[in-house]
Amino acid sequence: MKPAFLVVDMQNLFYGHNEVTRRSLEEAQAMINAVVPLFRAKKLPVVWVQHCDAEDGLVPGAKGFDLPEAFVVAPEDLRVVKEKGNAFCGTDLDERLRSLGVDTVIFAGFCAEFCVLSSCRGARDLGYSSILLRGGLASICPENIPFVERVNELISCGALGKVLNGIPG
């Protein structure tokens, strides 16, 4: 198994949507920040996916497009800009992951029932093992998160840490 950690659409614009969304994003952010070092310690890929939509002002260079400063993006991390819900659709993400030998993708991010779910299903369609990080999903409607978790494979931060420790680094 060679996993990658894919963080979807945790962009500044969404933190300003409303208080419920902001809290959901901050809770997922804490879990994401706990997992990123586990992948880096094993020299496994961390991928930051950002949604691009000119109508919403989500374009490279705009403050809303950027990731919050709470995330530490390393130079070796992969960056992917997408225009569709599925991070694999219309991007080079599949080719980049395959070139690194990745066969498993752990997903976290926003919005659980839209872009994260679409990307998780898209990865599965391409032959990857797709797993969601428990506690790593955010939504405008947080009550939708349990459904998304129920219909997909799920792993906790603790279990993920144990799995990654078994991978030579």
C-alpha atoms as a PDB file:
ATOM      1  CA  MET A   1       0.000   0.000   0.000  1.00  0.00           C
ATOM      2  CA  LYS A   2       1.213   3.486  -0.859  1.00  0.00           C
ATOM      3  CA  PRO A   3      -1.233   6.133   0.335  1.00  0.00           C
ATOM      4  CA  ALA A   4      -1.563   9.832  -0.399  1.00  0.00           C
ATOM      5  CA  PHE A   5      -3.443  12.359   1.747  1.00  0.00           C
ATOM      6  CA  LEU A   6      -5.785  14.523  -0.315  1.00  0.00           C
ATOM      7  CA  VAL A   7      -7.121  17.707   1.307  1.00  0.00           C
ATOM      8  CA  VAL A   8     -10.039  19.111  -0.696  1.00  0.00           C
ATOM      9  CA  ASP A   9     -11.141  22.765  -0.910  1.00  0.00           C
ATOM     10  CA  MET A  10     -10.156  24.039   2.542  1.00  0.00           C
ATOM     11  CA  GLN A  11     -10.028  27.599   1.191  1.00  0.00           C
ATOM     12  CA  ASN A  12     -10.398  30.977   2.916  1.00  0.00           C
ATOM     13  CA  LEU A  13     -13.636  31.923   1.121  1.00  0.00           C
ATOM     14  CA  PHE A  14     -15.578  29.073   2.697  1.00  0.00           C
ATOM     15  CA  TYR A  15     -14.611  30.034   6.277  1.00  0.00           C
ATOM     16  CA  GLY A  16     -16.666  33.218   5.830  1.00  0.00           C
ATOM     17  CA  HIS A  17     -19.849  31.480   4.692  1.00  0.00           C
ATOM     18  CA  ASN A  18     -21.477  31.420   8.159  1.00  0.00           C
ATOM     19  CA  GLU A  19     -20.670  30.463  11.754  1.00  0.00           C
ATOM     20  CA  VAL A  20     -21.794  26.824  11.396  1.00  0.00           C
ATOM     21  CA  THR A  21     -19.621  26.316   8.309  1.00  0.00           C
ATOM     22  CA  ARG A  22     -16.659  28.062   9.933  1.00  0.00           C
ATOM     23  CA  ARG A  23     -16.865  25.779  12.992  1.00  0.00           C
ATOM     24  CA  SER A  24     -17.133  22.697  10.776  1.00  0.00           C
ATOM     25  CA  LEU A  25     -14.098  23.809   8.773  1.00  0.00           C
ATOM     26  CA  GLU A  26     -12.069  24.540  11.913  1.00  0.00           C
ATOM     27  CA  GLU A  27     -12.846  21.095  13.365  1.00  0.00           C
ATOM     28  CA  ALA A  28     -11.764  19.402  10.130  1.00  0.00           C
ATOM     29  CA  GLN A  29      -8.713  21.678   9.966  1.00  0.00           C
ATOM     30  CA  ALA A  30      -7.546  20.454  13.388  1.00  0.00           C
ATOM     31  CA  MET A  31      -7.781  16.814  12.253  1.00  0.00           C
ATOM     32  CA  ILE A  32      -6.054  17.568   8.937  1.00  0.00           C
ATOM     33  CA  ASN A  33      -3.225  19.322  10.771  1.00  0.00           C
ATOM     34  CA  ALA A  34      -2.822  16.220  12.968  1.00  0.00           C
ATOM     35  CA  VAL A  35      -2.558  13.905   9.935  1.00  0.00           C
ATOM     36  CA  VAL A  36      -0.310  15.911   7.582  1.00  0.00           C
ATOM     37  CA  PRO A  37       2.835  15.352   9.726  1.00  0.00           C
ATOM     38  CA  LEU A  38       2.164  11.582   9.733  1.00  0.00           C
ATOM     39  CA  PHE A  39       2.367  11.533   5.929  1.00  0.00           C
ATOM     40  CA  ARG A  40       5.377  13.837   5.786  1.00  0.00           C
ATOM     41  CA  ALA A  41       7.267  11.709   8.329  1.00  0.00           C
ATOM     42  CA  LYS A  42       6.955   8.762   5.930  1.00  0.00           C
ATOM     43  CA  LYS A  43       7.668  10.912   2.854  1.00  0.00           C
ATOM     44  CA  LEU A  44       4.198  10.123   1.506  1.00  0.00           C
ATOM     45  CA  PRO A  45       2.340  12.576  -0.732  1.00  0.00           C
ATOM     46  CA  VAL A  46       0.193  15.342   0.710  1.00  0.00           C
ATOM     47  CA  VAL A  47      -2.047  16.938  -1.927  1.00  0.00           C
ATOM     48  CA  TRP A  48      -3.805  20.289  -1.498  1.00  0.00           C
ATOM     49  CA  VAL A  49      -6.758  20.605  -3.876  1.00  0.00           C
ATOM     50  CA  GLN A  50      -8.247  24.045  -4.475  1.00  0.00           C
ATOM     51  CA  HIS A  51     -11.459  24.804  -6.293  1.00  0.00           C
ATOM     52  CA  CYS A  52     -11.324  27.491  -8.983  1.00  0.00           C
ATOM     53  CA  ASP A  53     -14.490  29.401  -9.933  1.00  0.00           C
ATOM     54  CA  ALA A  54     -14.256  32.946 -11.310  1.00  0.00           C
ATOM     55  CA  GLU A  55     -17.926  33.683 -10.464  1.00  0.00           C
ATOM     56  CA  ASP A  56     -17.220  33.067  -6.773  1.00  0.00           C
ATOM     57  CA  GLY A  57     -13.888  34.916  -6.847  1.00  0.00           C
ATOM     58  CA  LEU A  58     -12.030  31.654  -6.390  1.00  0.00           C
ATOM     59  CA  VAL A  59      -9.098  32.308  -8.669  1.00  0.00           C
ATOM     60  CA  PRO A  60      -5.374  31.943  -8.030  1.00  0.00           C
ATOM     61  CA  GLY A  61      -4.061  35.094  -6.390  1.00  0.00           C
ATOM     62  CA  ALA A  62      -7.359  35.981  -4.691  1.00  0.00           C
ATOM     63  CA  LYS A  63      -7.419  35.828  -0.887  1.00  0.00           C
ATOM     64  CA  GLY A  64     -10.517  33.602  -0.912  1.00  0.00           C
ATOM     65  CA  PHE A  65      -8.744  31.074  -3.139  1.00  0.00           C
ATOM     66  CA  ASP A  66      -5.841  30.680  -0.718  1.00  0.00           C
ATOM     67  CA  LEU A  67      -5.543  28.094   2.022  1.00  0.00           C
ATOM     68  CA  PRO A  68      -5.763  29.442   5.579  1.00  0.00           C
ATOM     69  CA  GLU A  69      -2.445  30.220   7.249  1.00  0.00           C
ATOM     70  CA  ALA A  70      -3.247  27.507   9.819  1.00  0.00           C
ATOM     71  CA  PHE A  71      -2.165  24.963   7.210  1.00  0.00           C
ATOM     72  CA  VAL A  72       1.543  24.538   6.670  1.00  0.00           C
ATOM     73  CA  VAL A  73       2.033  23.692   3.011  1.00  0.00           C
ATOM     74  CA  ALA A  74       5.480  22.263   2.357  1.00  0.00           C
ATOM     75  CA  PRO A  75       7.351  22.802  -0.917  1.00  0.00           C
ATOM     76  CA  GLU A  76       7.207  19.069  -1.668  1.00  0.00           C
ATOM     77  CA  ASP A  77       3.405  18.944  -1.290  1.00  0.00           C
ATOM     78  CA  LEU A  78       1.402  18.613  -4.477  1.00  0.00           C
ATOM     79  CA  ARG A  79      -1.036  21.372  -5.468  1.00  0.00           C
ATOM     80  CA  VAL A  80      -4.022  20.733  -7.726  1.00  0.00           C
ATOM     81  CA  VAL A  81      -6.471  23.330  -9.026  1.00  0.00           C
ATOM     82  CA  LYS A  82      -9.824  21.931 -10.101  1.00  0.00           C
ATOM     83  CA  GLU A  83     -12.915  23.377 -11.738  1.00  0.00           C
ATOM     84  CA  LYS A  84     -15.259  20.423 -11.165  1.00  0.00           C
ATOM     85  CA  GLY A  85     -16.421  18.673  -8.011  1.00  0.00           C
ATOM     86  CA  ASN A  86     -14.267  15.603  -8.635  1.00  0.00           C
ATOM     87  CA  ALA A  87     -10.583  16.481  -8.138  1.00  0.00           C
ATOM     88  CA  PHE A  88      -9.631  13.896 -10.780  1.00  0.00           C
ATOM     89  CA  CYS A  89     -11.909  15.356 -13.493  1.00  0.00           C
ATOM     90  CA  GLY A  90     -10.058  17.697 -15.848  1.00  0.00           C
ATOM     91  CA  THR A  91      -6.835  17.673 -13.811  1.00  0.00           C
ATOM     92  CA  ASP A  92      -3.567  15.757 -13.910  1.00  0.00           C
ATOM     93  CA  LEU A  93      -4.097  14.365 -10.402  1.00  0.00           C
ATOM     94  CA  ASP A  94      -4.441  10.743 -11.525  1.00  0.00           C
ATOM     95  CA  GLU A  95      -1.231  10.877 -13.564  1.00  0.00           C
ATOM     96  CA  ARG A  96       0.684  12.555 -10.740  1.00  0.00           C
ATOM     97  CA  LEU A  97      -0.449  10.020  -8.138  1.00  0.00           C
ATOM     98  CA  ARG A  98       0.257   7.046 -10.418  1.00  0.00           C
ATOM     99  CA  SER A  99       3.745   8.380 -11.163  1.00  0.00           C
ATOM    100  CA  LEU A 100       4.380   8.269  -7.407  1.00  0.00           C
ATOM    101  CA  GLY A 101       3.066   4.712  -7.110  1.00  0.00           C
ATOM    102  CA  VAL A 102       0.026   5.735  -5.049  1.00  0.00           C
ATOM    103  CA  ASP A 103      -2.741   3.145  -4.819  1.00  0.00           C
ATOM    104  CA  THR A 104      -4.699   4.437  -1.818  1.00  0.00           C
ATOM    105  CA  VAL A 105      -6.112   7.911  -1.219  1.00  0.00           C
ATOM    106  CA  ILE A 106      -7.138   9.219   2.197  1.00  0.00           C
ATOM    107  CA  PHE A 107      -9.589  12.123   1.822  1.00  0.00           C
ATOM    108  CA  ALA A 108     -10.395  15.087   4.045  1.00  0.00           C
ATOM    109  CA  GLY A 109     -11.814  18.532   3.424  1.00  0.00           C
ATOM    110  CA  PHE A 110     -14.830  20.522   2.278  1.00  0.00           C
ATOM    111  CA  CYS A 111     -17.629  20.034   1.324  1.00  0.00           C
ATOM    112  CA  ALA A 112     -18.237  16.469   2.535  1.00  0.00           C
ATOM    113  CA  GLU A 113     -21.318  15.742   0.443  1.00  0.00           C
ATOM    114  CA  PHE A 114     -20.116  17.494  -2.696  1.00  0.00           C
ATOM    115  CA  CYS A 115     -16.450  17.768  -3.693  1.00  0.00           C
ATOM    116  CA  VAL A 116     -15.052  15.313  -1.143  1.00  0.00           C
ATOM    117  CA  LEU A 117     -17.649  12.665  -1.976  1.00  0.00           C
ATOM    118  CA  SER A 118     -17.259  13.261  -5.732  1.00  0.00           C
ATOM    119  CA  SER A 119     -13.477  12.977  -5.489  1.00  0.00           C
ATOM    120  CA  CYS A 120     -13.660   9.880  -3.298  1.00  0.00           C
ATOM    121  CA  ARG A 121     -15.974   8.177  -5.799  1.00  0.00           C
ATOM    122  CA  GLY A 122     -13.862   9.388  -8.703  1.00  0.00           C
ATOM    123  CA  ALA A 123     -10.744   7.867  -7.152  1.00  0.00           C
ATOM    124  CA  ARG A 124     -12.556   4.581  -6.640  1.00  0.00           C
ATOM    125  CA  ASP A 125     -13.673   4.607 -10.296  1.00  0.00           C
ATOM    126  CA  LEU A 126     -10.003   4.949 -11.267  1.00  0.00           C
ATOM    127  CA  GLY A 127      -9.010   1.910  -9.202  1.00  0.00           C
ATOM    128  CA  TYR A 128      -7.697   3.583  -6.036  1.00  0.00           C
ATOM    129  CA  SER A 129      -8.655   2.459  -2.570  1.00  0.00           C
ATOM    130  CA  SER A 130     -10.582   5.486  -1.257  1.00  0.00           C
ATOM    131  CA  ILE A 131     -10.865   6.161   2.458  1.00  0.00           C
ATOM    132  CA  LEU A 132     -12.282   9.136   4.351  1.00  0.00           C
ATOM    133  CA  LEU A 133     -10.559  10.537   7.422  1.00  0.00           C
ATOM    134  CA  ARG A 134     -12.965  10.436  10.389  1.00  0.00           C
ATOM    135  CA  GLY A 135     -13.280  13.957  11.774  1.00  0.00           C
ATOM    136  CA  GLY A 136     -11.584  15.409   8.704  1.00  0.00           C
ATOM    137  CA  LEU A 137     -14.722  16.410   6.805  1.00  0.00           C
ATOM    138  CA  ALA A 138     -16.455  19.788   6.816  1.00  0.00           C
ATOM    139  CA  SER A 139     -19.782  20.923   5.433  1.00  0.00           C
ATOM    140  CA  ILE A 140     -22.176  23.831   5.171  1.00  0.00           C
ATOM    141  CA  CYS A 141     -24.644  21.336   6.709  1.00  0.00           C
ATOM    142  CA  PRO A 142     -22.573  19.309   9.204  1.00  0.00           C
ATOM    143  CA  GLU A 143     -25.536  16.990   9.769  1.00  0.00           C
ATOM    144  CA  ASN A 144     -24.750  15.538   6.305  1.00  0.00           C
ATOM    145  CA  ILE A 145     -21.268  14.375   7.339  1.00  0.00           C
ATOM    146  CA  PRO A 146     -22.416  11.163   9.114  1.00  0.00           C
ATOM    147  CA  PHE A 147     -24.190  10.025   5.936  1.00  0.00           C
ATOM    148  CA  VAL A 148     -21.060  10.577   3.828  1.00  0.00           C
ATOM    149  CA  GLU A 149     -19.013   8.678   6.412  1.00  0.00           C
ATOM    150  CA  ARG A 150     -21.547   5.810   6.516  1.00  0.00           C
ATOM    151  CA  VAL A 151     -21.473   5.179   2.759  1.00  0.00           C
ATOM    152  CA  ASN A 152     -17.671   5.145   2.450  1.00  0.00           C
ATOM    153  CA  GLU A 153     -14.650   3.485   3.994  1.00  0.00           C
ATOM    154  CA  LEU A 154     -13.480   5.436   7.035  1.00  0.00           C
ATOM    155  CA  ILE A 155     -10.300   5.577   9.148  1.00  0.00           C
ATOM    156  CA  SER A 156      -9.516   7.399  12.383  1.00  0.00           C
ATOM    157  CA  CYS A 157      -6.375   9.436  12.931  1.00  0.00           C
ATOM    158  CA  GLY A 158      -5.117   6.895  15.489  1.00  0.00           C
ATOM    159  CA  ALA A 159      -5.642   3.914  13.190  1.00  0.00           C
ATOM    160  CA  LEU A 160      -4.104   5.805  10.286  1.00  0.00           C
ATOM    161  CA  GLY A 161      -1.028   6.562  12.379  1.00  0.00           C
ATOM    162  CA  LYS A 162      -0.602   2.862  13.159  1.00  0.00           C
ATOM    163  CA  VAL A 163      -1.026   1.891   9.501  1.00  0.00           C
ATOM    164  CA  LEU A 164       1.498   4.506   8.368  1.00  0.00           C
ATOM    165  CA  ASN A 165       3.995   3.386  11.011  1.00  0.00           C
ATOM    166  CA  GLY A 166       4.014  -0.009   9.306  1.00  0.00           C
ATOM    167  CA  ILE A 167       5.098   1.548   6.009  1.00  0.00           C
ATOM    168  CA  PRO A 168       8.863   1.824   5.531  1.00  0.00           C
ATOM    169  CA  GLY A 169       9.931   5.461   5.332  1.00  0.00           C
END
